Amino acid sequence: MYFVYSLLMGLAALVLAPYWVVQGLRHGKYLANLGERLGFSFPGLAGLPAAAERAGAIWIHAVSVGEVLSGVTLARRLKERYPGRPLIISTTTMTGQALARERMSFADAVIYFPLDWAFAVRKALDAVRPAAVIVLETEIWPNFLRLARRRGVPVVFVGGRISERSFARYQKWFGVVGFYLRPFLRRALGDAAGFLMQSEKDAERVRALGAPAERVRVGGNLKYDMEMPLPTPLSNWLAAETARSGRGPVIVAGSVVATEEPLALIAFGTLQGEYPNALLVLAPRKPERFEAAAEFIDESHRKYLRRSQMNVAAPGNGNGTGPASHVEIPKDVDVVLLDSIGELASLYRVADGAFVGGSLVPSGGHNILEPAAFGKIPVFGTSMENFADMAAGFLANDAAIQVENPEDAGGAWIELLRAPERRAKMEAAALRMVEDNRGATGRAMEEISRQIDGAKVGR
């Protein structure tokens, strides 16, 4: 089974190699961390004592930006509870890596997760020497799970999620190669020590895929426990400058994905028809979309400021608590292009309206809790498969607005601005949804501690 899987992985790598090369040359992706992902070197571990001289590490794997943000509180609490064990964070994407280094500076090391070939996984396990591995959400890597189990290293999935679209895809493949895939997936999932899923529906789906029923529990969604981002120089500047210049309302369109940028601009244009002094903060989800977003803004005949070209660093301590350097927004500028990573969440505190991207195109949606945690009403499109339960809960409690097209998004902001009482009621409901669903971190701590404390001494 594993030979066939590894062979297919190798064939996929050969097919994708030209794409990886092009992306590596154009955007610096893939090639820069290939040596680490193959297990040849781990520069992030250079400052640690040799593996044989330290206690077993706690290894948290967070695929990309969303998982990193959701895992900060859990990672901090694990470091506090086990100060003598190195805390190692791994990511798959470069943006996740950069954010992990920023938001999890208390970790002992940040590395890239190995590619799922046995030789690379062995080298990574030798280098990290984990006492336990926590996988945020549900990245299933069969070789990693198998080799970790053989070494007696428990792997726990926390905040596990199987979207309807992903589950349907599994069912489709079961119909084609179920004779191989069903027993293989059952065996791979059987190597995990536990599954803390976000909802009962997620728990049912992972059991249906083959996870041992007795190891599956509902633990809730870590994203509800996310730490509130502190004010940053940029958020301080935006608040001060819009107050000084009288610009507003401020709309933050966050995590906007490919081909969704012009839709966000259309939604903003609808708002501008009634509020000509409005300001849009456009935040593409991925760095490779920064230039494309700038082109779309140009094509909409709007002027904009790029975050990367704005000097708004706070003087003195530089921690974001002081006043930001003064940069004026020209009267003819309508858009601030957030071509940076890690600053989006703090900007929602300044927003008068919020749009959560990945939802007006078939991309599955993104996290609506970032604006909701500041009492902002999330507006999103119909593609929310990745956050279906969360979106349904917010809508049922009148704490969010779902729209079918960009014009409706602009109309929704206008209606909320015209009706301050309704807006205040919905903002309170959004905050209440966040507060009422906290607790996943505590449940995860119980399960992880049980695995670590019950493990072999010194592992």
Protein backbone atom coordinates (compact mmCIF):
# COMPACT_ATOMS: atom_id res chain seq x y z
CA MET A 1 0.00 0.00 0.00
CA TYR A 2 2.66 2.50 1.06
CA PHE A 3 4.87 1.62 -1.91
CA VAL A 4 2.06 2.51 -4.32
CA TYR A 5 1.35 5.73 -2.38
CA SER A 6 5.02 6.78 -2.44
CA LEU A 7 5.25 5.94 -6.14
CA LEU A 8 2.21 8.13 -6.86
CA MET A 9 3.76 10.91 -4.78
CA GLY A 10 6.91 10.65 -6.87
CA LEU A 11 4.99 10.76 -10.14
CA ALA A 12 3.01 13.78 -8.92
CA ALA A 13 6.29 15.52 -8.05
CA LEU A 14 7.63 14.90 -11.55
CA VAL A 15 4.47 16.27 -13.15
CA LEU A 16 4.45 19.34 -10.91
CA ALA A 17 8.19 19.99 -11.13
CA PRO A 18 7.93 22.54 -13.99
CA TYR A 19 5.24 24.47 -12.09
CA TRP A 20 7.38 24.47 -8.93
CA VAL A 21 10.39 25.75 -10.88
CA VAL A 22 8.39 28.56 -12.47
CA GLN A 23 6.81 29.56 -9.15
CA GLY A 24 10.20 29.35 -7.46
CA LEU A 25 11.82 31.65 -10.01
CA ARG A 26 8.89 34.10 -10.13
CA HIS A 27 7.86 34.25 -6.47
CA GLY A 28 10.62 32.52 -4.51
CA LYS A 29 8.28 29.68 -3.55
CA TYR A 30 9.10 25.97 -3.11
CA LEU A 31 12.75 26.03 -4.15
CA ALA A 32 14.00 28.09 -1.20
CA ASN A 33 12.82 25.56 1.38
CA LEU A 34 13.15 22.37 -0.68
CA GLY A 35 16.27 21.18 1.14
CA GLU A 36 14.52 21.50 4.47
CA ARG A 37 11.37 19.78 3.26
CA LEU A 38 13.51 16.89 1.99
CA GLY A 39 15.18 16.62 5.40
CA PHE A 40 18.67 17.65 4.30
CA SER A 41 18.98 20.57 6.72
CA PHE A 42 16.95 22.30 9.42
CA PRO A 43 18.38 25.79 9.93
CA GLY A 44 15.57 26.63 12.36
CA LEU A 45 16.84 24.00 14.79
CA ALA A 46 20.43 25.25 14.76
CA GLY A 47 20.12 27.07 18.09
CA LEU A 48 18.81 24.06 20.00
CA PRO A 49 20.87 21.50 21.92
CA ALA A 50 21.50 18.24 20.07
CA ALA A 51 18.41 16.04 19.89
CA ALA A 52 20.00 13.41 22.13
CA GLU A 53 20.63 16.01 24.86
CA ARG A 54 17.11 17.44 25.20
CA ALA A 55 13.67 16.31 26.26
CA GLY A 56 11.22 15.34 23.56
CA ALA A 57 9.82 18.35 21.75
CA ILE A 58 6.22 19.39 21.26
CA TRP A 59 5.73 19.74 17.53
CA ILE A 60 2.79 21.79 16.23
CA HIS A 61 2.10 21.70 12.50
CA ALA A 62 0.14 24.66 11.10
CA VAL A 63 -0.21 24.51 7.32
CA SER A 64 -0.54 28.21 6.54
CA VAL A 65 -1.77 31.58 7.79
CA GLY A 66 -5.19 30.49 9.06
CA GLU A 67 -3.84 27.58 11.07
CA VAL A 68 -1.03 29.68 12.51
CA LEU A 69 -3.47 32.31 13.72
CA SER A 70 -5.80 29.73 15.24
CA GLY A 71 -2.94 27.94 17.00
CA VAL A 72 -1.22 30.85 18.76
CA THR A 73 -3.14 30.50 22.03
CA LEU A 74 -2.70 26.72 22.14
CA ALA A 75 1.02 27.00 21.38
CA ARG A 76 1.53 29.59 24.11
CA ARG A 77 -0.30 27.51 26.70
CA LEU A 78 1.70 24.40 25.79
CA LYS A 79 4.95 26.34 26.18
CA GLU A 80 3.82 27.58 29.58
CA ARG A 81 2.82 24.10 30.73
CA TYR A 82 5.95 22.36 29.39
CA PRO A 83 8.74 24.95 29.60
CA GLY A 84 11.42 22.27 29.62
CA ARG A 85 10.38 20.83 26.26
CA PRO A 86 11.32 22.61 23.02
CA LEU A 87 8.29 23.93 21.16
CA ILE A 88 8.70 23.42 17.42
CA ILE A 89 6.29 24.98 14.89
CA SER A 90 6.14 23.78 11.30
CA THR A 91 4.30 25.21 8.32
CA THR A 92 3.93 24.30 4.66
CA THR A 93 3.68 27.77 3.08
CA MET A 94 6.12 30.66 3.13
CA THR A 95 3.42 33.07 4.32
CA GLY A 96 2.58 30.72 7.17
CA GLN A 97 6.27 30.49 8.03
CA ALA A 98 6.69 34.26 8.17
CA LEU A 99 3.59 34.70 10.32
CA ALA A 100 4.61 31.88 12.67
CA ARG A 101 7.96 33.57 13.29
CA GLU A 102 6.16 36.81 14.07
CA ARG A 103 3.19 35.57 16.14
CA MET A 104 4.92 32.61 17.83
CA SER A 105 8.23 34.21 18.74
CA PHE A 106 8.05 32.30 22.04
CA ALA A 107 8.57 29.02 20.13
CA ASP A 108 12.04 27.48 20.17
CA ALA A 109 12.12 26.89 16.42
CA VAL A 110 10.05 27.33 13.26
CA ILE A 111 10.66 24.86 10.42
CA TYR A 112 9.04 23.56 7.24
CA PHE A 113 7.05 20.33 7.38
CA PRO A 114 8.73 17.47 5.48
CA LEU A 115 7.45 16.15 2.20
CA ASP A 116 5.69 12.84 2.81
CA TRP A 117 8.43 10.53 1.63
CA ALA A 118 9.76 8.10 4.20
CA PHE A 119 13.38 9.29 4.01
CA ALA A 120 12.39 12.94 4.52
CA VAL A 121 10.02 12.12 7.38
CA ARG A 122 12.66 10.02 9.16
CA LYS A 123 15.19 12.83 8.98
CA ALA A 124 12.64 15.33 10.32
CA LEU A 125 11.67 13.05 13.21
CA ASP A 126 15.36 12.46 14.00
CA ALA A 127 16.02 16.21 14.03
CA VAL A 128 12.97 17.31 16.03
CA ARG A 129 12.72 14.27 18.32
CA PRO A 130 9.10 14.97 19.28
CA ALA A 131 7.26 13.71 22.32
CA ALA A 132 4.01 14.50 20.52
CA VAL A 133 2.87 16.04 17.25
CA ILE A 134 -0.21 18.27 17.03
CA VAL A 135 -1.64 18.75 13.55
CA LEU A 136 -3.96 21.74 13.32
CA GLU A 137 -7.05 20.98 11.26
CA THR A 138 -6.75 17.88 9.03
CA GLU A 139 -3.65 17.38 6.89
CA ILE A 140 -3.39 13.60 6.46
CA TRP A 141 0.13 12.44 5.54
CA PRO A 142 0.24 8.61 5.66
CA ASN A 143 4.02 8.12 5.79
CA PHE A 144 4.39 10.69 8.55
CA LEU A 145 1.62 9.07 10.61
CA ARG A 146 3.02 5.57 10.11
CA LEU A 147 6.61 6.46 11.02
CA ALA A 148 5.57 8.55 14.03
CA ARG A 149 3.49 5.63 15.37
CA ARG A 150 6.40 3.23 14.90
CA ARG A 151 8.52 5.51 17.11
CA GLY A 152 5.78 5.71 19.73
CA VAL A 153 5.12 9.39 18.99
CA PRO A 154 1.42 10.25 19.34
CA VAL A 155 -0.05 12.44 16.59
CA VAL A 156 -3.18 14.35 17.58
CA PHE A 157 -5.38 16.24 15.12
CA VAL A 158 -6.78 19.37 16.76
CA GLY A 159 -9.54 21.53 15.27
CA GLY A 160 -10.07 18.82 12.67
CA ARG A 161 -12.31 19.68 9.75
CA ILE A 162 -13.56 17.76 6.71
CA SER A 163 -15.48 20.14 4.48
CA GLU A 164 -18.46 18.97 2.48
CA ARG A 165 -16.48 19.51 -0.72
CA SER A 166 -13.51 17.47 0.55
CA PHE A 167 -15.76 14.69 1.81
CA ALA A 168 -17.54 14.53 -1.56
CA ARG A 169 -14.17 14.29 -3.26
CA TYR A 170 -13.20 11.34 -1.05
CA GLN A 171 -16.52 9.65 -1.85
CA LYS A 172 -15.89 10.14 -5.54
CA TRP A 173 -12.46 8.49 -5.31
CA PHE A 174 -13.91 5.69 -3.19
CA GLY A 175 -16.20 4.93 -6.11
CA VAL A 176 -13.22 4.66 -8.47
CA VAL A 177 -10.39 3.10 -6.41
CA GLY A 178 -12.16 2.24 -3.17
CA PHE A 179 -10.58 -1.25 -3.15
CA TYR A 180 -7.23 0.48 -2.48
CA LEU A 181 -8.13 3.83 -0.97
CA ARG A 182 -10.54 2.68 1.76
CA PRO A 183 -8.17 0.23 3.50
CA PHE A 184 -5.19 2.53 2.96
CA LEU A 185 -6.94 5.54 4.47
CA ARG A 186 -8.28 3.43 7.35
CA ARG A 187 -4.77 2.22 8.10
CA ALA A 188 -3.29 5.73 7.89
CA LEU A 189 -5.94 7.26 10.15
CA GLY A 190 -5.51 4.35 12.54
CA ASP A 191 -1.93 5.51 13.13
CA ALA A 192 -3.13 8.77 14.73
CA ALA A 193 -3.54 8.90 18.50
CA GLY A 194 -6.62 11.11 18.49
CA PHE A 195 -8.94 13.40 16.57
CA LEU A 196 -10.47 16.52 18.13
CA MET A 197 -12.88 17.63 15.41
CA GLN A 198 -14.56 21.01 15.13
CA SER A 199 -18.14 19.70 14.98
CA GLU A 200 -20.17 16.52 15.16
CA LYS A 201 -20.50 16.61 11.38
CA ASP A 202 -16.70 16.69 11.03
CA ALA A 203 -16.46 13.83 13.52
CA GLU A 204 -18.95 11.75 11.51
CA ARG A 205 -17.03 12.39 8.31
CA VAL A 206 -13.61 11.42 9.67
CA ARG A 207 -15.12 8.23 11.13
CA ALA A 208 -16.64 7.48 7.73
CA LEU A 209 -13.19 7.86 6.18
CA GLY A 210 -11.84 5.21 8.53
CA ALA A 211 -10.69 6.89 11.75
CA PRO A 212 -11.16 4.64 14.82
CA ALA A 213 -14.45 5.76 16.38
CA GLU A 214 -13.10 5.55 19.94
CA ARG A 215 -10.36 8.09 19.16
CA VAL A 216 -12.69 10.70 17.63
CA ARG A 217 -14.17 13.48 19.77
CA VAL A 218 -15.72 16.88 19.17
CA GLY A 219 -13.35 19.51 20.52
CA GLY A 220 -14.64 22.71 18.94
CA ASN A 221 -12.95 25.31 16.78
CA LEU A 222 -9.63 26.80 17.95
CA LYS A 223 -10.31 29.90 15.90
CA TYR A 224 -12.83 31.08 18.50
CA ASP A 225 -9.97 31.18 21.02
CA MET A 226 -7.68 33.30 18.86
CA GLU A 227 -5.76 35.98 20.69
CA MET A 228 -6.97 39.47 19.88
CA PRO A 229 -4.32 41.20 17.75
CA LEU A 230 -2.78 44.24 19.39
CA PRO A 231 -2.92 47.64 17.70
CA THR A 232 -0.15 48.01 15.13
CA PRO A 233 1.53 51.09 13.70
CA LEU A 234 -0.65 50.64 10.61
CA SER A 235 -3.95 50.34 12.50
CA ASN A 236 -3.01 53.33 14.68
CA TRP A 237 -2.17 55.34 11.58
CA LEU A 238 -5.39 54.40 9.79
CA ALA A 239 -7.53 55.35 12.79
CA ALA A 240 -5.73 58.67 13.26
CA GLU A 241 -5.58 59.61 9.58
CA THR A 242 -9.22 58.84 8.79
CA ALA A 243 -10.28 60.85 11.83
CA ARG A 244 -8.06 63.77 10.77
CA SER A 245 -9.10 63.75 7.13
CA GLY A 246 -12.76 62.89 7.62
CA ARG A 247 -12.43 59.85 5.38
CA GLY A 248 -14.97 57.13 5.85
CA PRO A 249 -16.64 54.80 6.12
CA VAL A 250 -13.65 52.45 6.12
CA ILE A 251 -14.23 49.06 4.48
CA VAL A 252 -11.75 46.23 5.02
CA ALA A 253 -11.89 43.50 2.37
CA GLY A 254 -9.71 40.75 3.81
CA SER A 255 -8.29 37.48 2.47
CA VAL A 256 -9.42 38.28 -1.08
CA VAL A 257 -8.42 35.52 -3.50
CA ALA A 258 -7.56 35.37 -7.18
CA THR A 259 -10.17 36.95 -9.50
CA GLU A 260 -12.08 38.24 -6.48
CA GLU A 261 -10.21 41.56 -6.35
CA PRO A 262 -12.37 43.23 -9.04
CA LEU A 263 -15.52 41.97 -7.28
CA ALA A 264 -14.40 43.65 -4.04
CA LEU A 265 -13.82 46.84 -6.02
CA ILE A 266 -17.33 46.60 -7.53
CA ALA A 267 -18.82 46.18 -4.06
CA PHE A 268 -16.87 49.21 -2.88
CA GLY A 269 -18.04 51.18 -5.91
CA THR A 270 -21.65 50.53 -4.93
CA LEU A 271 -20.92 51.99 -1.50
CA GLN A 272 -19.12 54.99 -3.00
CA GLY A 273 -22.29 55.95 -4.83
CA GLU A 274 -23.72 57.03 -1.48
CA TYR A 275 -20.51 57.60 0.50
CA PRO A 276 -17.99 59.25 -1.85
CA ASN A 277 -15.43 59.72 0.96
CA ALA A 278 -15.31 55.99 1.69
CA LEU A 279 -11.94 54.25 1.90
CA LEU A 280 -11.23 50.63 0.98
CA VAL A 281 -8.46 48.51 2.48
CA LEU A 282 -7.92 45.68 -0.01
CA ALA A 283 -5.99 42.73 1.43
CA PRO A 284 -5.13 39.91 -1.01
CA ARG A 285 -4.83 36.48 0.59
CA LYS A 286 -1.48 35.60 -0.99
CA PRO A 287 1.61 37.71 -1.75
CA GLU A 288 1.68 36.57 -5.37
CA ARG A 289 -1.64 38.43 -5.84
CA PHE A 290 -0.29 41.81 -4.76
CA GLU A 291 0.71 42.93 -8.25
CA ALA A 292 -2.47 41.59 -9.84
CA ALA A 293 -4.55 43.45 -7.25
CA ALA A 294 -2.68 46.66 -8.04
CA GLU A 295 -3.47 46.18 -11.74
CA PHE A 296 -7.15 45.66 -11.00
CA ILE A 297 -7.21 48.88 -8.96
CA ASP A 298 -5.58 50.73 -11.86
CA GLU A 299 -8.15 49.27 -14.27
CA SER A 300 -10.95 50.56 -12.02
CA HIS A 301 -9.51 54.08 -12.51
CA ARG A 302 -8.85 54.54 -8.81
CA LYS A 303 -5.74 55.82 -7.10
CA TYR A 304 -4.26 53.87 -4.23
CA LEU A 305 -1.54 53.70 -1.60
CA ARG A 306 0.57 50.58 -1.18
CA ARG A 307 1.31 49.52 2.37
CA SER A 308 4.84 48.52 1.35
CA GLN A 309 5.57 52.11 0.33
CA MET A 310 4.16 53.76 3.46
CA ASN A 311 6.40 54.68 6.38
CA VAL A 312 4.05 54.35 9.33
CA ALA A 313 6.38 52.70 11.83
CA ALA A 314 5.69 53.81 15.39
CA PRO A 315 8.51 55.92 16.80
CA GLY A 316 10.25 54.94 20.00
CA ASN A 317 9.29 51.47 21.20
CA GLY A 318 8.06 50.26 17.79
CA ASN A 319 5.53 47.86 19.34
CA GLY A 320 2.49 49.52 17.82
CA THR A 321 1.27 51.21 20.98
CA GLY A 322 2.53 54.69 20.19
CA PRO A 323 1.31 57.13 17.56
CA ALA A 324 2.19 56.25 14.00
CA SER A 325 4.32 58.41 11.74
CA HIS A 326 2.23 60.90 9.81
CA VAL A 327 1.35 59.86 6.27
CA GLU A 328 -1.57 61.65 4.69
CA ILE A 329 -4.16 59.99 2.48
CA PRO A 330 -4.54 62.22 -0.59
CA LYS A 331 -8.11 63.25 -1.33
CA ASP A 332 -8.10 61.43 -4.66
CA VAL A 333 -6.95 58.11 -3.14
CA ASP A 334 -9.75 55.57 -2.62
CA VAL A 335 -7.85 52.37 -1.81
CA VAL A 336 -5.09 51.22 0.52
CA LEU A 337 -3.53 48.03 -0.89
CA LEU A 338 -2.37 45.86 1.99
CA ASP A 339 0.61 44.23 0.30
CA SER A 340 1.98 42.83 3.55
CA ILE A 341 1.46 39.76 5.74
CA GLY A 342 0.27 39.72 9.33
CA GLU A 343 -1.34 43.17 9.53
CA LEU A 344 -4.87 42.42 8.37
CA ALA A 345 -6.47 41.27 11.63
CA SER A 346 -5.61 44.44 13.56
CA LEU A 347 -7.19 46.62 10.85
CA TYR A 348 -10.65 45.21 11.49
CA ARG A 349 -10.79 47.23 14.72
CA VAL A 350 -10.79 50.38 12.55
CA ALA A 351 -13.35 49.11 10.02
CA ASP A 352 -16.89 50.38 9.56
CA GLY A 353 -17.62 47.42 7.29
CA ALA A 354 -15.93 44.11 6.57
CA PHE A 355 -15.87 41.68 3.67
CA VAL A 356 -14.38 38.20 4.14
CA GLY A 357 -12.84 36.96 0.92
CA GLY A 358 -12.72 33.62 -0.81
CA SER A 359 -16.51 33.66 -0.77
CA LEU A 360 -17.68 35.49 -3.91
CA VAL A 361 -15.78 32.97 -6.04
CA PRO A 362 -15.79 29.17 -5.53
CA SER A 363 -12.90 29.08 -3.06
CA GLY A 364 -14.60 27.90 0.14
CA GLY A 365 -14.40 31.11 2.16
CA HIS A 366 -12.14 32.29 4.97
CA ASN A 367 -12.27 33.00 8.68
CA ILE A 368 -15.12 35.33 9.66
CA LEU A 369 -14.02 35.48 13.30
CA GLU A 370 -11.30 38.07 12.73
CA PRO A 371 -13.79 40.91 12.10
CA ALA A 372 -16.39 39.41 14.49
CA ALA A 373 -13.92 39.45 17.40
CA PHE A 374 -13.88 43.25 17.09
CA GLY A 375 -17.66 43.42 16.91
CA LYS A 376 -17.66 43.96 13.15
CA ILE A 377 -20.36 42.32 11.05
CA PRO A 378 -18.88 39.85 8.56
CA VAL A 379 -20.24 40.17 5.02
CA PHE A 380 -19.43 37.22 2.77
CA GLY A 381 -20.53 35.47 -0.39
CA THR A 382 -22.14 32.10 -1.02
CA SER A 383 -18.94 30.00 -1.15
CA MET A 384 -18.33 29.25 2.54
CA GLU A 385 -17.87 25.47 2.40
CA ASN A 386 -14.70 25.61 4.51
CA PHE A 387 -16.55 27.43 7.29
CA ALA A 388 -20.07 26.14 6.67
CA ASP A 389 -21.06 25.49 10.30
CA MET A 390 -19.58 28.74 11.53
CA ALA A 391 -21.25 30.77 8.78
CA ALA A 392 -24.60 29.06 9.39
CA GLY A 393 -24.38 29.80 13.11
CA PHE A 394 -23.64 33.48 12.54
CA LEU A 395 -26.44 33.83 10.01
CA ALA A 396 -28.93 32.06 12.28
CA ASN A 397 -28.09 34.51 15.07
CA ASP A 398 -28.30 37.59 12.81
CA ALA A 399 -24.58 38.20 13.34
CA ALA A 400 -23.48 38.21 9.68
CA ILE A 401 -24.75 38.92 6.17
CA GLN A 402 -24.45 36.61 3.19
CA VAL A 403 -24.70 38.02 -0.32
CA GLU A 404 -24.86 36.56 -3.82
CA ASN A 405 -22.94 39.24 -5.71
CA PRO A 406 -20.66 42.24 -5.11
CA GLU A 407 -23.44 44.79 -5.65
CA ASP A 408 -25.38 43.19 -2.79
CA ALA A 409 -22.28 43.44 -0.57
CA GLY A 410 -22.10 47.17 -1.22
CA GLY A 411 -25.84 47.44 -0.58
CA ALA A 412 -25.45 45.58 2.71
CA TRP A 413 -22.88 48.09 3.96
CA ILE A 414 -25.13 50.97 2.95
CA GLU A 415 -28.12 49.49 4.79
CA LEU A 416 -26.08 48.95 7.96
CA LEU A 417 -24.74 52.50 7.87
CA ARG A 418 -28.28 53.86 7.41
CA ALA A 419 -29.61 51.83 10.36
CA PRO A 420 -27.28 52.35 13.37
CA GLU A 421 -29.60 50.54 15.78
CA ARG A 422 -29.71 47.39 13.66
CA ARG A 423 -25.98 47.63 13.10
CA ALA A 424 -25.28 47.86 16.84
CA LYS A 425 -27.53 44.87 17.51
CA MET A 426 -25.76 42.76 14.89
CA GLU A 427 -22.34 43.82 16.13
CA ALA A 428 -23.27 42.69 19.64
CA ALA A 429 -24.51 39.39 18.23
CA ALA A 430 -21.21 38.86 16.40
CA LEU A 431 -19.24 39.43 19.60
CA ARG A 432 -21.57 37.12 21.49
CA MET A 433 -21.02 34.34 18.93
CA VAL A 434 -17.27 34.55 19.49
CA GLU A 435 -17.54 34.54 23.29
CA ASP A 436 -20.11 31.75 23.48
CA ASN A 437 -18.03 29.34 21.42
CA ARG A 438 -14.70 29.63 23.19
CA GLY A 439 -13.16 26.63 24.98
CA ALA A 440 -11.58 24.48 22.24
CA THR A 441 -8.08 25.30 23.49
CA GLY A 442 -8.83 23.93 26.95
CA ARG A 443 -10.17 20.68 25.51
CA ALA A 444 -7.13 20.38 23.25
CA MET A 445 -4.80 20.94 26.22
CA GLU A 446 -6.44 18.08 28.10
CA GLU A 447 -6.00 15.63 25.21
CA ILE A 448 -2.44 16.70 24.37
CA SER A 449 -1.34 16.62 28.01
CA ARG A 450 -2.80 13.15 28.38
CA GLN A 451 -0.73 11.98 25.42
CA ILE A 452 2.49 13.67 26.55
CA ASP A 453 2.24 12.79 30.24
CA GLY A 454 1.42 9.19 29.36
CA ALA A 455 4.33 8.91 26.95
CA LYS A 456 7.69 7.30 27.60
CA VAL A 457 9.82 9.33 30.01
CA GLY A 458 12.28 11.55 28.19
CA ARG A 459 10.91 10.94 24.72
